[in-house]
């Protein structure tokens, strides 16, 4: 299916601007387009470079998650944490700002279990994220 010229909106485009990739059909439309400066589109970048430095996935220090008083919680071992860190699907889901905001809200909540369940019930993407985490760590088998 041919793309309509973005300049005259009459003919099928045969060319694309080398700078901004806008479609045009003729030299006349190209000259019309070049009367105003254009910019190149944002390049698609690697997930690790799109996340702000402070939000890149990293392994926590032992002191971040080791609470000897809390025997009810199951902690992930180093191998499980490394599996999470190297899982491309998890990293792509973490690129979603909503997921990151939900994680922060749960972490800061006085009732994290309740909030986690509420968010899982109301946001399919977050539910997928949780299931992916459970599958990646083997926790879904228990």
C-alpha atoms as a PDB file:
ATOM      1  CA  UNK A   1       0.000   0.000   0.000  1.00  0.00           C
ATOM      2  CA  UNK A   2       1.468   3.319  -1.095  1.00  0.00           C
ATOM      3  CA  UNK A   3       1.901   6.200   1.327  1.00  0.00           C
ATOM      4  CA  UNK A   4       0.358   9.547   0.424  1.00  0.00           C
ATOM      5  CA  UNK A   5       2.719  12.483  -0.076  1.00  0.00           C
ATOM      6  CA  UNK A   6       2.970  14.409   3.188  1.00  0.00           C
ATOM      7  CA  UNK A   7       3.441  17.722   1.363  1.00  0.00           C
ATOM      8  CA  UNK A   8       0.745  17.919  -1.353  1.00  0.00           C
ATOM      9  CA  UNK A   9      -1.406  15.111   0.054  1.00  0.00           C
ATOM     10  CA  UNK A  10      -2.475  14.220  -3.495  1.00  0.00           C
ATOM     11  CA  UNK A  11      -0.012  11.763  -5.015  1.00  0.00           C
ATOM     12  CA  UNK A  12       1.590   8.586  -3.740  1.00  0.00           C
ATOM     13  CA  UNK A  13       4.979   9.271  -2.215  1.00  0.00           C
ATOM     14  CA  UNK A  14       8.033   7.848  -3.914  1.00  0.00           C
ATOM     15  CA  UNK A  15      10.746   9.395  -1.775  1.00  0.00           C
ATOM     16  CA  UNK A  16      11.642  10.199   1.834  1.00  0.00           C
ATOM     17  CA  UNK A  17      13.575  13.160   3.187  1.00  0.00           C
ATOM     18  CA  UNK A  18      17.023  11.987   4.233  1.00  0.00           C
ATOM     19  CA  UNK A  19      16.859  14.158   7.353  1.00  0.00           C
ATOM     20  CA  UNK A  20      13.373  13.745   8.840  1.00  0.00           C
ATOM     21  CA  UNK A  21      12.090  10.764   6.799  1.00  0.00           C
ATOM     22  CA  UNK A  22       8.881  12.591   5.717  1.00  0.00           C
ATOM     23  CA  UNK A  23       7.343  11.126   2.549  1.00  0.00           C
ATOM     24  CA  UNK A  24       7.099  13.256  -0.626  1.00  0.00           C
ATOM     25  CA  UNK A  25       6.229  12.591  -4.263  1.00  0.00           C
ATOM     26  CA  UNK A  26       8.256  14.986  -6.421  1.00  0.00           C
ATOM     27  CA  UNK A  27      11.030  17.540  -6.678  1.00  0.00           C
ATOM     28  CA  UNK A  28       8.474  20.329  -6.268  1.00  0.00           C
ATOM     29  CA  UNK A  29       7.221  18.839  -2.990  1.00  0.00           C
ATOM     30  CA  UNK A  30      10.811  18.278  -1.847  1.00  0.00           C
ATOM     31  CA  UNK A  31      11.632  21.961  -2.466  1.00  0.00           C
ATOM     32  CA  UNK A  32       8.471  23.026  -0.612  1.00  0.00           C
ATOM     33  CA  UNK A  33       9.448  20.810   2.320  1.00  0.00           C
ATOM     34  CA  UNK A  34      13.017  22.164   2.407  1.00  0.00           C
ATOM     35  CA  UNK A  35      11.774  25.763   2.711  1.00  0.00           C
ATOM     36  CA  UNK A  36      11.484  25.085   6.441  1.00  0.00           C
ATOM     37  CA  UNK A  37      14.242  23.357   8.428  1.00  0.00           C
ATOM     38  CA  UNK A  38      13.543  19.793   9.517  1.00  0.00           C
ATOM     39  CA  UNK A  39      15.092  17.578  12.180  1.00  0.00           C
ATOM     40  CA  UNK A  40      15.999  13.923  12.260  1.00  0.00           C
ATOM     41  CA  UNK A  41      13.697  11.698  14.287  1.00  0.00           C
ATOM     42  CA  UNK A  42      14.833  10.419  17.696  1.00  0.00           C
ATOM     43  CA  UNK A  43      16.904   7.271  17.147  1.00  0.00           C
ATOM     44  CA  UNK A  44      15.649   4.114  18.788  1.00  0.00           C
ATOM     45  CA  UNK A  45      18.107   3.405  21.534  1.00  0.00           C
ATOM     46  CA  UNK A  46      19.047   0.508  23.718  1.00  0.00           C
ATOM     47  CA  UNK A  47      16.828   0.076  26.774  1.00  0.00           C
ATOM     48  CA  UNK A  48      19.748   0.583  29.142  1.00  0.00           C
ATOM     49  CA  UNK A  49      20.452   4.024  27.685  1.00  0.00           C
ATOM     50  CA  UNK A  50      16.797   5.135  27.786  1.00  0.00           C
ATOM     51  CA  UNK A  51      16.435   4.602  31.513  1.00  0.00           C
ATOM     52  CA  UNK A  52      17.809   7.377  33.697  1.00  0.00           C
ATOM     53  CA  UNK A  53      21.039   6.350  35.421  1.00  0.00           C
ATOM     54  CA  UNK A  54      19.395   6.125  38.832  1.00  0.00           C
ATOM     55  CA  UNK A  55      16.663   3.836  37.482  1.00  0.00           C
ATOM     56  CA  UNK A  56      18.816   1.321  35.638  1.00  0.00           C
ATOM     57  CA  UNK A  57      18.396  -2.232  36.808  1.00  0.00           C
ATOM     58  CA  UNK A  58      20.988  -3.131  39.390  1.00  0.00           C
ATOM     59  CA  UNK A  59      21.462  -5.743  42.039  1.00  0.00           C
ATOM     60  CA  UNK A  60      20.762  -4.511  45.555  1.00  0.00           C
ATOM     61  CA  UNK A  61      23.451  -4.617  48.188  1.00  0.00           C
ATOM     62  CA  UNK A  62      23.014  -7.339  50.771  1.00  0.00           C
ATOM     63  CA  UNK A  63      22.124  -4.705  53.360  1.00  0.00           C
ATOM     64  CA  UNK A  64      19.253  -3.501  51.144  1.00  0.00           C
ATOM     65  CA  UNK A  65      17.295  -6.710  51.472  1.00  0.00           C
ATOM     66  CA  UNK A  66      18.693  -8.666  54.399  1.00  0.00           C
ATOM     67  CA  UNK A  67      16.392  -8.278  57.399  1.00  0.00           C
ATOM     68  CA  UNK A  68      17.133 -10.972  59.990  1.00  0.00           C
ATOM     69  CA  UNK A  69      14.014  -9.951  61.970  1.00  0.00           C
ATOM     70  CA  UNK A  70      11.688 -10.789  59.080  1.00  0.00           C
ATOM     71  CA  UNK A  71      11.500 -14.544  58.631  1.00  0.00           C
ATOM     72  CA  UNK A  72       8.126 -14.456  56.852  1.00  0.00           C
ATOM     73  CA  UNK A  73       9.453 -12.984  53.626  1.00  0.00           C
ATOM     74  CA  UNK A  74      11.122 -15.026  50.937  1.00  0.00           C
ATOM     75  CA  UNK A  75      14.289 -13.416  49.674  1.00  0.00           C
ATOM     76  CA  UNK A  76      15.766 -13.930  46.239  1.00  0.00           C
ATOM     77  CA  UNK A  77      19.233 -15.387  46.087  1.00  0.00           C
ATOM     78  CA  UNK A  78      22.004 -13.945  43.930  1.00  0.00           C
ATOM     79  CA  UNK A  79      21.303 -16.357  41.049  1.00  0.00           C
ATOM     80  CA  UNK A  80      17.639 -15.351  40.928  1.00  0.00           C
ATOM     81  CA  UNK A  81      18.560 -11.662  41.001  1.00  0.00           C
ATOM     82  CA  UNK A  82      20.984 -12.199  38.115  1.00  0.00           C
ATOM     83  CA  UNK A  83      18.238 -13.996  36.161  1.00  0.00           C
ATOM     84  CA  UNK A  84      16.017 -10.956  36.603  1.00  0.00           C
ATOM     85  CA  UNK A  85      18.811  -8.614  35.583  1.00  0.00           C
ATOM     86  CA  UNK A  86      19.460 -10.507  32.341  1.00  0.00           C
ATOM     87  CA  UNK A  87      15.799 -11.036  31.350  1.00  0.00           C
ATOM     88  CA  UNK A  88      15.095  -8.837  28.304  1.00  0.00           C
ATOM     89  CA  UNK A  89      11.317  -9.018  28.758  1.00  0.00           C
ATOM     90  CA  UNK A  90      11.585  -7.767  32.336  1.00  0.00           C
ATOM     91  CA  UNK A  91      13.918  -4.972  31.250  1.00  0.00           C
ATOM     92  CA  UNK A  92      11.500  -3.922  28.506  1.00  0.00           C
ATOM     93  CA  UNK A  93       8.613  -3.863  30.985  1.00  0.00           C
ATOM     94  CA  UNK A  94      10.740  -1.769  33.360  1.00  0.00           C
ATOM     95  CA  UNK A  95      11.083   0.829  30.607  1.00  0.00           C
ATOM     96  CA  UNK A  96       7.396   1.610  31.209  1.00  0.00           C
ATOM     97  CA  UNK A  97       7.252   4.607  33.586  1.00  0.00           C
ATOM     98  CA  UNK A  98       3.948   3.375  35.061  1.00  0.00           C
ATOM     99  CA  UNK A  99       5.576   0.097  36.145  1.00  0.00           C
ATOM    100  CA  UNK A 100       8.435   1.984  37.812  1.00  0.00           C
ATOM    101  CA  UNK A 101       5.984   4.307  39.564  1.00  0.00           C
ATOM    102  CA  UNK A 102       3.916   1.355  40.811  1.00  0.00           C
ATOM    103  CA  UNK A 103       7.062  -0.281  42.207  1.00  0.00           C
ATOM    104  CA  UNK A 104       7.971   2.908  44.085  1.00  0.00           C
ATOM    105  CA  UNK A 105       4.419   3.233  45.438  1.00  0.00           C
ATOM    106  CA  UNK A 106       4.420  -0.386  46.653  1.00  0.00           C
ATOM    107  CA  UNK A 107       7.851   0.034  48.208  1.00  0.00           C
ATOM    108  CA  UNK A 108       6.714   3.141  50.110  1.00  0.00           C
ATOM    109  CA  UNK A 109       3.282   1.811  51.086  1.00  0.00           C
ATOM    110  CA  UNK A 110       2.337   0.922  54.648  1.00  0.00           C
ATOM    111  CA  UNK A 111       0.333  -1.994  53.182  1.00  0.00           C
ATOM    112  CA  UNK A 112       2.461  -3.187  50.242  1.00  0.00           C
ATOM    113  CA  UNK A 113       0.738  -6.584  49.869  1.00  0.00           C
ATOM    114  CA  UNK A 114      -2.674  -4.958  49.555  1.00  0.00           C
ATOM    115  CA  UNK A 115      -1.438  -2.313  47.101  1.00  0.00           C
ATOM    116  CA  UNK A 116       0.411  -4.925  45.027  1.00  0.00           C
ATOM    117  CA  UNK A 117      -2.765  -6.975  44.655  1.00  0.00           C
ATOM    118  CA  UNK A 118      -4.843  -3.892  43.838  1.00  0.00           C
ATOM    119  CA  UNK A 119      -2.448  -2.774  41.098  1.00  0.00           C
ATOM    120  CA  UNK A 120      -2.236  -6.325  39.677  1.00  0.00           C
ATOM    121  CA  UNK A 121      -6.033  -6.471  39.511  1.00  0.00           C
ATOM    122  CA  UNK A 122      -6.355  -3.095  37.783  1.00  0.00           C
ATOM    123  CA  UNK A 123      -3.395  -2.963  35.388  1.00  0.00           C
ATOM    124  CA  UNK A 124      -2.835  -5.828  32.957  1.00  0.00           C
ATOM    125  CA  UNK A 125       0.700  -4.711  32.088  1.00  0.00           C
ATOM    126  CA  UNK A 126       1.723  -4.706  35.740  1.00  0.00           C
ATOM    127  CA  UNK A 127       0.071  -8.105  36.167  1.00  0.00           C
ATOM    128  CA  UNK A 128       2.156  -9.378  33.246  1.00  0.00           C
ATOM    129  CA  UNK A 129       5.259  -7.885  34.878  1.00  0.00           C
ATOM    130  CA  UNK A 130       4.579  -9.731  38.167  1.00  0.00           C
ATOM    131  CA  UNK A 131       3.937 -13.046  36.392  1.00  0.00           C
ATOM    132  CA  UNK A 132       7.146 -12.582  34.387  1.00  0.00           C
ATOM    133  CA  UNK A 133       9.087 -11.951  37.610  1.00  0.00           C
ATOM    134  CA  UNK A 134       7.612 -15.053  39.225  1.00  0.00           C
ATOM    135  CA  UNK A 135       8.372 -17.206  36.186  1.00  0.00           C
ATOM    136  CA  UNK A 136      11.932 -15.870  35.867  1.00  0.00           C
ATOM    137  CA  UNK A 137      12.741 -16.655  39.494  1.00  0.00           C
ATOM    138  CA  UNK A 138      10.937 -19.982  39.582  1.00  0.00           C
ATOM    139  CA  UNK A 139       8.587 -18.699  42.292  1.00  0.00           C
ATOM    140  CA  UNK A 140       5.492 -19.541  40.232  1.00  0.00           C
ATOM    141  CA  UNK A 141       6.256 -23.259  40.680  1.00  0.00           C
ATOM    142  CA  UNK A 142       5.667 -23.083  44.444  1.00  0.00           C
END
